[in-house]
Amino acid sequence: MNSAPFRLVVTGGGTGGHTYPALTAVRTLQARLAAQGRALETLWIGTATGLEARVAPAEGIPFTTVATGKIRRSKNPLKLASPANVRDMARVPLGVLQARRAIDRFQPDVVLATGGYVAVPAGLAARMCHRPLVLHEQTVRLGLANRKLAASAARICVSSESTLALLPESARQVAVVTGNPVRPEVLSGRADKAVQALQLWGFDRQLPTVYVTGGAQGSQQINELVGEVLPWLLQQTNVVHQCGPDNVESLRARAAGLPSELAGRYYLAGFVGPELPDVLALADVVISRSGAGTLAELTALGKPAVFVPLASSAGNEQAHNARHLQEAGAAVALEGDVTVDQVRIALGPLLADAHLRRGMAERARAYGRPDAADRLVDEILSCASGQPVTAGRRGEPFLPR
C-alpha cells in the first residue's frame, strides 16, 4: 500500500460558489486517504481578495496568491477590448509564471480547478508542469475559466448531464458527471432542532414552512417581494426569513403591524449560521437565488423551490440554472422584474397542496447528487493513477453506493 502523502493543488475561488465545493472536496479526500493510512498535503492557489483567502487559512490549508485578470463581459465586442480588460489580461502571464513556480516546488499529484479567474493561470501552469488537471464546473453551463482550460484538462467534472452537450467533442471524451459537492452537514439537519435553536414556539406545525434567503448579504429584491406579500403568506404558512444584516430593521418595522397570531409565525434573521441544516430540514418550500451551490443543496435535499435569479450573475448563469430545474418540474423560476402577483401565483398552489409539493420534491431529488464530493474524489484519485475515463462513466447517471 502506498503510504506517501497525496499532494493536491487547489485553485479557484472569488466567490462561495467556487470556493466551498473545492473545500468540500479537500475534506472528503482527506477523510478517504486517512481511512487508507495516508496523509493529504494541500496547497491552495488563489487571490488575495477572494473568499478563498479567508477560507483556506481558516481551514489550515497553506495558501499562496498569484496575479490574475478579470474579463468584464459585454454584449458589445468593442467593449471587451476596454482598457480595464486589456490591463487585467496583461497580468495573466505573470500569474502563470507565479503559479508554475508554486506547482514546480510543490510537485502535486493532481491540480483541481473549480473556476474563477484565478483558476486560469494555475490551470495553464499545471499543463506546463505536466501535472494532471481536474476541472470542476458547478453551473449548468461551462464557466469562462473552465472553457479556457478545457483543452488542458485530464478530467472535466460537471454537475449536470445537460452540460455534456455543451462541451466540444474532444472535451466530452474526458467529461464525467459527478454533481456539485455539498457540505455533508447540510444533509444532516433536523427540523425539531431548528424549532428549538431558533425558539420558533409560535410556528403552527400543521402549516408548511417557507425558508426565504438571499444569501449571506440578503437580496433586496427578494426582501421587498416577501415584505409585500407577508400578511398573505403568513395566513397559510410559517416563514423563516434570512434577510441580510443590513435589512433587519426595515423588515422588522414592516412586520410590526402584523396580528400577534401571524407575527408568531414569522422568524426574521440577518444571518442563519450553524442552524442552516436544521432550517432546511424544517422548510417545505424555499425562496432563494439560484446559484450553483444553492441548487446543489436543495436538489440533494429534495426541496421545492421558487427561484428569483440574480440578473447580474456572470454569464446569466443563475437564470440558466433556474430554468433548467423549472423545465424539469423541479422548481419555479421568476425572472426579470418580478411582481408581487407572480410571487402569489408561484407560491399559492405549492402552499395549498402537499401532493404538489411532494411531486416537485421528488423531481428535485432526482437531480440531486448528495454523493457528489465522493464522485469528484474518485476522479481526482483516478487521474493521479493515470486511469482514463471509461465510456461507461462519461455522462452516465451515477447510482447511489
Protein backbone atom coordinates (compact mmCIF):
# COMPACT_ATOMS: atom_id res chain seq x y z
CA MET A 1 0.00 0.00 0.00
CA ASN A 2 1.26 3.48 -0.89
CA SER A 3 1.89 5.37 2.35
CA ALA A 4 3.36 8.54 0.81
CA PRO A 5 1.30 11.71 1.32
CA PHE A 6 -1.04 12.62 -1.52
CA ARG A 7 -0.26 16.13 -2.75
CA LEU A 8 -3.07 18.28 -4.13
CA VAL A 9 -3.04 21.80 -5.52
CA VAL A 10 -6.42 23.50 -5.39
CA THR A 11 -7.14 26.61 -7.40
CA GLY A 12 -10.32 28.57 -7.77
CA GLY A 13 -12.40 30.98 -5.78
CA GLY A 14 -13.51 34.58 -5.68
CA THR A 15 -16.99 33.56 -4.56
CA GLY A 16 -18.50 30.84 -2.38
CA GLY A 17 -19.76 29.05 -5.49
CA HIS A 18 -16.17 28.24 -6.49
CA THR A 19 -14.61 28.07 -3.02
CA TYR A 20 -16.90 25.80 -1.00
CA PRO A 21 -17.07 22.90 -3.50
CA ALA A 22 -13.27 22.89 -3.50
CA LEU A 23 -13.16 22.90 0.30
CA THR A 24 -15.69 20.06 0.49
CA ALA A 25 -13.60 18.05 -1.98
CA VAL A 26 -10.46 18.62 0.12
CA ARG A 27 -12.21 17.47 3.29
CA THR A 28 -13.64 14.39 1.55
CA LEU A 29 -10.29 13.45 0.01
CA GLN A 30 -8.57 13.90 3.37
CA ALA A 31 -11.06 11.53 5.04
CA ARG A 32 -10.74 8.97 2.22
CA LEU A 33 -6.94 8.96 2.46
CA ALA A 34 -6.96 8.84 6.27
CA ALA A 35 -9.02 5.66 6.09
CA GLN A 36 -6.20 4.20 3.97
CA GLY A 37 -3.49 5.40 6.36
CA ARG A 38 -2.33 8.21 4.06
CA ALA A 39 -1.99 11.92 4.66
CA LEU A 40 -3.12 14.75 2.38
CA GLU A 41 -0.90 17.74 1.73
CA THR A 42 -2.71 20.63 0.06
CA LEU A 43 -1.68 23.96 -1.42
CA TRP A 44 -4.38 26.45 -2.39
CA ILE A 45 -3.55 28.95 -5.14
CA GLY A 46 -5.90 31.92 -5.05
CA THR A 47 -6.20 35.69 -4.99
CA ALA A 48 -5.57 37.96 -2.04
CA THR A 49 -9.05 39.48 -2.25
CA GLY A 50 -11.20 36.42 -2.93
CA LEU A 51 -13.18 34.42 -0.37
CA GLU A 52 -10.60 31.64 -0.64
CA ALA A 53 -8.01 33.92 1.00
CA ARG A 54 -10.07 33.71 4.22
CA VAL A 55 -11.42 30.17 3.91
CA ALA A 56 -8.19 28.28 3.15
CA PRO A 57 -6.10 29.67 6.06
CA ALA A 58 -9.06 29.22 8.42
CA GLU A 59 -9.06 25.53 7.46
CA GLY A 60 -5.31 25.24 8.00
CA ILE A 61 -4.61 24.91 4.26
CA PRO A 62 -1.36 26.56 3.05
CA PHE A 63 -2.28 29.41 0.72
CA THR A 64 -0.41 31.37 -1.93
CA THR A 65 -1.54 34.13 -4.28
CA VAL A 66 -0.89 34.75 -7.96
CA ALA A 67 -1.66 37.64 -10.27
CA THR A 68 -4.79 37.26 -12.36
CA GLY A 69 -7.12 39.30 -14.53
CA LYS A 70 -10.86 39.71 -14.73
CA ILE A 71 -12.75 39.92 -18.02
CA ARG A 72 -15.61 42.41 -17.81
CA ARG A 73 -18.23 40.90 -20.07
CA SER A 74 -20.29 42.84 -22.57
CA LYS A 75 -22.58 42.05 -25.48
CA ASN A 76 -20.67 44.72 -27.40
CA PRO A 77 -17.42 43.13 -28.72
CA LEU A 78 -15.73 46.54 -28.77
CA LYS A 79 -16.21 46.92 -25.03
CA LEU A 80 -14.40 43.63 -24.42
CA ALA A 81 -11.25 45.45 -25.53
CA SER A 82 -11.71 48.07 -22.82
CA PRO A 83 -8.58 49.47 -21.12
CA ALA A 84 -9.53 47.65 -17.88
CA ASN A 85 -9.79 44.29 -19.68
CA VAL A 86 -6.54 44.82 -21.58
CA ARG A 87 -4.76 45.82 -18.36
CA ASP A 88 -6.07 42.81 -16.45
CA MET A 89 -5.32 40.32 -19.23
CA ALA A 90 -1.73 41.58 -19.27
CA ARG A 91 -1.44 40.28 -15.69
CA VAL A 92 -2.25 36.70 -16.65
CA PRO A 93 1.26 35.79 -17.96
CA LEU A 94 2.72 36.94 -14.64
CA GLY A 95 0.16 34.81 -12.81
CA VAL A 96 1.06 31.78 -14.94
CA LEU A 97 4.75 32.26 -14.10
CA GLN A 98 3.97 32.56 -10.37
CA ALA A 99 1.69 29.51 -10.45
CA ARG A 100 4.27 27.49 -12.37
CA ARG A 101 6.88 28.21 -9.71
CA ALA A 102 4.46 27.19 -6.95
CA ILE A 103 3.48 23.95 -8.72
CA ASP A 104 7.10 23.10 -9.55
CA ARG A 105 8.03 23.49 -5.89
CA PHE A 106 5.01 21.61 -4.51
CA GLN A 107 5.04 18.74 -7.06
CA PRO A 108 1.34 17.83 -6.73
CA ASP A 109 -0.18 14.52 -7.79
CA VAL A 110 -3.19 16.45 -9.17
CA VAL A 111 -4.30 20.06 -9.68
CA LEU A 112 -8.00 20.67 -9.00
CA ALA A 113 -9.51 23.83 -10.55
CA THR A 114 -13.02 24.88 -9.56
CA GLY A 115 -13.40 28.06 -11.59
CA GLY A 116 -13.00 31.77 -11.08
CA TYR A 117 -10.40 33.95 -12.77
CA VAL A 118 -7.52 32.69 -10.62
CA ALA A 119 -8.03 29.17 -11.98
CA VAL A 120 -6.76 30.21 -15.43
CA PRO A 121 -3.08 30.91 -14.62
CA ALA A 122 -2.85 27.93 -12.26
CA GLY A 123 -4.58 25.63 -14.74
CA LEU A 124 -2.27 26.67 -17.56
CA ALA A 125 0.71 26.20 -15.24
CA ALA A 126 -0.45 22.65 -14.47
CA ARG A 127 -0.18 21.77 -18.15
CA MET A 128 3.29 23.32 -18.38
CA CYS A 129 4.40 21.32 -15.34
CA HIS A 130 2.88 18.11 -16.78
CA ARG A 131 0.56 17.67 -13.81
CA PRO A 132 -2.94 16.21 -14.35
CA LEU A 133 -5.59 18.90 -14.24
CA VAL A 134 -9.10 18.13 -12.98
CA LEU A 135 -11.72 20.79 -13.70
CA HIS A 136 -14.94 21.01 -11.76
CA GLU A 137 -17.90 23.01 -13.12
CA GLN A 138 -20.70 23.93 -10.73
CA THR A 139 -23.17 25.53 -13.13
CA VAL A 140 -25.30 24.14 -15.94
CA ARG A 141 -23.16 25.95 -18.49
CA LEU A 142 -19.35 25.79 -18.52
CA GLY A 143 -17.89 28.93 -16.92
CA LEU A 144 -15.44 31.15 -18.75
CA ALA A 145 -12.36 29.98 -16.82
CA ASN A 146 -13.19 26.32 -17.36
CA ARG A 147 -13.85 26.91 -21.07
CA LYS A 148 -10.36 28.36 -21.37
CA LEU A 149 -8.84 25.37 -19.55
CA ALA A 150 -10.90 22.55 -21.09
CA ALA A 151 -8.27 21.62 -23.67
CA SER A 152 -5.67 21.22 -20.89
CA ALA A 153 -7.77 19.02 -18.61
CA ALA A 154 -7.27 15.33 -17.89
CA ARG A 155 -10.80 15.27 -16.48
CA ILE A 156 -13.76 17.66 -16.67
CA CYS A 157 -16.22 17.01 -13.86
CA VAL A 158 -19.63 18.59 -14.42
CA SER A 159 -22.65 18.93 -12.18
CA SER A 160 -25.37 18.26 -14.72
CA GLU A 161 -25.78 15.84 -17.61
CA SER A 162 -27.17 18.68 -19.71
CA THR A 163 -23.70 20.28 -19.60
CA LEU A 164 -22.22 17.43 -21.64
CA ALA A 165 -23.97 18.50 -24.84
CA LEU A 166 -22.47 21.99 -24.48
CA LEU A 167 -18.90 20.68 -24.49
CA PRO A 168 -16.75 20.32 -27.61
CA GLU A 169 -16.50 16.71 -28.77
CA SER A 170 -12.87 16.45 -27.63
CA ALA A 171 -13.78 17.67 -24.14
CA ARG A 172 -16.63 15.16 -23.85
CA GLN A 173 -14.09 12.36 -24.05
CA VAL A 174 -12.76 13.36 -20.62
CA ALA A 175 -16.03 14.61 -19.10
CA VAL A 176 -17.71 12.91 -16.14
CA VAL A 177 -20.96 13.86 -14.39
CA THR A 178 -20.12 14.00 -10.68
CA GLY A 179 -22.54 16.62 -9.40
CA ASN A 180 -21.62 19.63 -7.27
CA PRO A 181 -20.14 18.79 -3.83
CA VAL A 182 -22.48 19.59 -0.96
CA ARG A 183 -21.23 20.20 2.57
CA PRO A 184 -22.11 16.99 4.48
CA GLU A 185 -23.51 18.94 7.42
CA VAL A 186 -26.24 20.35 5.16
CA LEU A 187 -27.57 16.82 4.66
CA SER A 188 -27.86 16.02 8.35
CA GLY A 189 -30.33 18.68 9.57
CA ARG A 190 -33.28 18.01 11.86
CA ALA A 191 -36.45 20.10 11.81
CA ASP A 192 -37.08 19.83 15.56
CA LYS A 193 -33.60 21.18 16.26
CA ALA A 194 -34.42 24.31 14.21
CA VAL A 195 -37.56 24.88 16.29
CA GLN A 196 -35.54 24.55 19.50
CA ALA A 197 -32.49 26.56 18.39
CA LEU A 198 -34.47 29.47 16.94
CA GLN A 199 -37.28 29.22 19.53
CA LEU A 200 -39.99 29.02 16.90
CA TRP A 201 -42.70 28.50 19.50
CA GLY A 202 -45.29 30.49 17.55
CA PHE A 203 -45.00 28.31 14.46
CA ASP A 204 -48.04 26.22 13.55
CA ARG A 205 -46.55 22.85 12.62
CA GLN A 206 -49.77 21.92 10.85
CA LEU A 207 -48.87 24.54 8.23
CA PRO A 208 -45.99 24.33 5.73
CA THR A 209 -42.84 26.35 6.43
CA VAL A 210 -41.16 28.61 3.88
CA TYR A 211 -37.47 29.47 4.14
CA VAL A 212 -36.56 32.76 2.43
CA THR A 213 -32.92 33.57 1.74
CA GLY A 214 -30.95 35.90 -0.48
CA GLY A 215 -27.54 34.62 0.53
CA ALA A 216 -25.28 35.87 3.30
CA GLN A 217 -25.83 39.53 2.43
CA GLY A 218 -29.50 39.16 1.61
CA SER A 219 -31.31 40.14 -1.56
CA GLN A 220 -33.07 43.48 -1.73
CA GLN A 221 -35.34 42.18 -4.50
CA ILE A 222 -36.42 39.08 -2.58
CA ASN A 223 -36.79 41.04 0.67
CA GLU A 224 -39.08 43.57 -0.99
CA LEU A 225 -41.24 40.92 -2.62
CA VAL A 226 -41.62 38.90 0.58
CA GLY A 227 -42.29 42.03 2.60
CA GLU A 228 -45.13 42.93 0.25
CA VAL A 229 -46.81 39.51 0.44
CA LEU A 230 -46.06 38.84 4.11
CA PRO A 231 -49.61 39.20 5.53
CA TRP A 232 -50.99 36.95 2.78
CA LEU A 233 -48.12 34.49 3.21
CA LEU A 234 -48.47 34.14 6.98
CA GLN A 235 -52.14 33.26 6.73
CA GLN A 236 -51.12 29.92 5.22
CA THR A 237 -47.54 29.24 6.25
CA ASN A 238 -44.71 29.80 8.71
CA VAL A 239 -41.74 31.83 7.44
CA VAL A 240 -38.05 31.80 8.35
CA HIS A 241 -36.59 34.84 6.60
CA GLN A 242 -32.82 35.31 6.32
CA CYS A 243 -32.67 38.86 5.01
CA GLY A 244 -29.04 40.00 5.35
CA PRO A 245 -27.61 42.04 8.27
CA ASP A 246 -28.38 45.43 6.71
CA ASN A 247 -32.06 44.71 6.12
CA VAL A 248 -33.28 43.53 9.51
CA GLU A 249 -34.59 46.83 10.87
CA SER A 250 -36.65 47.80 7.81
CA LEU A 251 -38.29 44.37 7.65
CA ARG A 252 -38.88 44.31 11.39
CA ALA A 253 -40.67 47.65 11.10
CA ARG A 254 -42.80 46.31 8.27
CA ALA A 255 -43.75 43.25 10.34
CA ALA A 256 -44.56 45.30 13.45
CA GLY A 257 -48.17 45.80 12.41
CA LEU A 258 -48.93 42.10 11.95
CA PRO A 259 -51.61 40.49 14.19
CA SER A 260 -49.98 38.55 17.02
CA GLU A 261 -51.01 35.12 15.68
CA LEU A 262 -49.38 35.93 12.33
CA ALA A 263 -46.32 37.60 13.88
CA GLY A 264 -45.62 34.39 15.80
CA ARG A 265 -45.21 32.52 12.52
CA TYR A 266 -42.52 34.90 11.25
CA TYR A 267 -38.87 34.50 12.22
CA LEU A 268 -36.55 37.21 10.88
CA ALA A 269 -32.77 36.99 10.99
CA GLY A 270 -29.93 38.88 9.36
CA PHE A 271 -27.95 35.67 9.03
CA VAL A 272 -28.59 31.98 9.61
CA GLY A 273 -25.37 30.23 10.64
CA PRO A 274 -24.89 26.79 12.21
CA GLU A 275 -28.68 26.29 12.29
CA LEU A 276 -28.93 26.28 8.49
CA PRO A 277 -29.05 22.48 8.02
CA ASP A 278 -31.87 22.27 10.56
CA VAL A 279 -33.74 25.19 8.96
CA LEU A 280 -33.50 23.47 5.58
CA ALA A 281 -34.83 20.27 7.15
CA LEU A 282 -37.79 22.26 8.53
CA ALA A 283 -38.54 24.04 5.23
CA ASP A 284 -41.25 22.71 2.92
CA VAL A 285 -40.57 25.38 0.26
CA VAL A 286 -37.52 27.61 -0.29
CA ILE A 287 -37.48 31.06 -1.91
CA SER A 288 -33.96 32.00 -2.99
CA ARG A 289 -31.48 32.99 -5.64
CA SER A 290 -30.34 30.19 -7.94
CA GLY A 291 -26.59 29.98 -7.58
CA ALA A 292 -24.95 26.63 -8.25
CA GLY A 293 -24.32 25.89 -4.58
CA THR A 294 -27.93 26.60 -3.66
CA LEU A 295 -29.18 24.29 -6.43
CA ALA A 296 -26.84 21.52 -5.31
CA GLU A 297 -28.04 21.71 -1.73
CA LEU A 298 -31.75 21.99 -2.49
CA THR A 299 -31.77 19.16 -5.03
CA ALA A 300 -29.70 16.90 -2.75
CA LEU A 301 -32.32 17.53 -0.06
CA GLY A 302 -35.27 17.37 -2.46
CA LYS A 303 -36.70 20.79 -1.63
CA PRO A 304 -39.37 22.52 -3.75
CA ALA A 305 -38.07 25.99 -4.63
CA VAL A 306 -39.17 29.30 -6.08
CA PHE A 307 -36.06 30.86 -7.62
CA VAL A 308 -35.54 34.57 -8.24
CA PRO A 309 -32.26 34.53 -10.24
CA LEU A 310 -29.71 37.29 -9.78
CA ALA A 311 -29.83 39.10 -13.11
CA SER A 312 -26.23 40.32 -12.87
CA SER A 313 -24.67 36.88 -12.30
CA ALA A 314 -21.75 36.08 -14.59
CA GLY A 315 -22.99 34.87 -17.98
CA ASN A 316 -26.55 34.97 -16.61
CA GLU A 317 -25.75 31.62 -15.00
CA GLN A 318 -28.39 31.87 -12.29
CA ALA A 319 -31.19 32.23 -14.84
CA HIS A 320 -29.93 29.19 -16.75
CA ASN A 321 -29.74 27.20 -13.51
CA ALA A 322 -33.30 28.14 -12.53
CA ARG A 323 -34.74 27.44 -15.98
CA HIS A 324 -33.05 24.07 -16.06
CA LEU A 325 -34.91 22.93 -12.94
CA GLN A 326 -38.16 24.62 -13.93
CA GLU A 327 -38.18 22.73 -17.24
CA ALA A 328 -37.88 19.51 -15.23
CA GLY A 329 -40.79 20.49 -12.98
CA ALA A 330 -38.40 20.63 -10.03
CA ALA A 331 -38.72 24.36 -9.26
CA VAL A 332 -40.39 27.60 -10.31
CA ALA A 333 -38.27 30.37 -11.88
CA LEU A 334 -39.30 34.03 -11.59
CA GLU A 335 -37.08 36.17 -13.80
CA GLY A 336 -36.71 39.86 -14.53
CA ASP A 337 -38.86 42.49 -12.85
CA VAL A 338 -40.80 40.07 -10.68
CA THR A 339 -44.15 41.31 -9.39
CA VAL A 340 -45.97 40.54 -6.17
CA ASP A 341 -48.73 38.84 -8.20
CA GLN A 342 -46.16 36.49 -9.75
CA VAL A 343 -44.95 35.53 -6.28
CA ARG A 344 -48.51 34.76 -5.16
CA ILE A 345 -49.20 32.72 -8.30
CA ALA A 346 -45.98 30.72 -7.82
CA LEU A 347 -46.37 30.10 -4.09
CA GLY A 348 -50.13 29.73 -3.73
CA PRO A 349 -50.53 26.24 -5.26
CA LEU A 350 -47.41 24.91 -3.52
CA LEU A 351 -48.58 26.06 -0.11
CA ALA A 352 -52.12 24.79 -0.61
CA ASP A 353 -51.29 21.34 -1.99
CA ALA A 354 -48.97 18.95 -0.13
CA HIS A 355 -49.23 16.47 -3.03
CA LEU A 356 -47.91 19.14 -5.44
CA ARG A 357 -45.03 19.84 -3.07
CA ARG A 358 -44.16 16.15 -2.82
CA GLY A 359 -44.12 15.81 -6.61
CA MET A 360 -41.81 18.79 -7.02
CA ALA A 361 -39.61 17.47 -4.19
CA GLU A 362 -39.25 14.10 -5.92
CA ARG A 363 -38.30 15.73 -9.22
CA ALA A 364 -35.77 17.98 -7.45
CA ARG A 365 -34.29 14.97 -5.65
CA ALA A 366 -33.89 13.19 -8.99
CA TYR A 367 -31.44 15.94 -9.95
CA GLY A 368 -29.67 15.89 -6.60
CA ARG A 369 -26.29 14.22 -6.11
CA PRO A 370 -25.62 14.04 -2.38
CA ASP A 371 -22.54 11.89 -3.05
CA ALA A 372 -21.00 14.42 -5.47
CA ALA A 373 -17.95 15.03 -3.27
CA ASP A 374 -17.14 11.30 -3.22
CA ARG A 375 -17.58 11.15 -7.01
CA LEU A 376 -15.23 14.09 -7.50
CA VAL A 377 -12.66 12.48 -5.21
CA ASP A 378 -12.96 9.27 -7.27
CA GLU A 379 -11.92 11.27 -10.34
CA ILE A 380 -9.06 13.05 -8.55
CA LEU A 381 -7.61 9.71 -7.44
CA SER A 382 -8.24 8.18 -10.86
CA CYS A 383 -6.32 10.99 -12.55
CA ALA A 384 -3.43 10.65 -10.11
CA SER A 385 -3.07 6.99 -11.04
CA GLY A 386 -3.27 7.77 -14.75
CA GLN A 387 -6.52 5.94 -15.38
CA PRO A 388 -8.51 7.07 -18.45
CA VAL A 389 -12.20 7.91 -18.41
CA THR A 390 -14.14 4.78 -19.30
CA ALA A 391 -17.08 5.05 -21.68
CA GLY A 392 -19.47 3.84 -19.01
CA ARG A 393 -18.67 6.80 -16.78
CA ARG A 394 -19.00 9.53 -19.38
CA GLY A 395 -22.35 11.18 -18.88
CA GLU A 396 -23.85 8.12 -17.25
CA PRO A 397 -26.07 8.79 -14.21
CA PHE A 398 -24.41 7.57 -11.05
CA LEU A 399 -26.32 5.18 -8.85
CA PRO A 400 -26.15 5.57 -5.06
CA ARG A 401 -23.45 3.49 -3.43
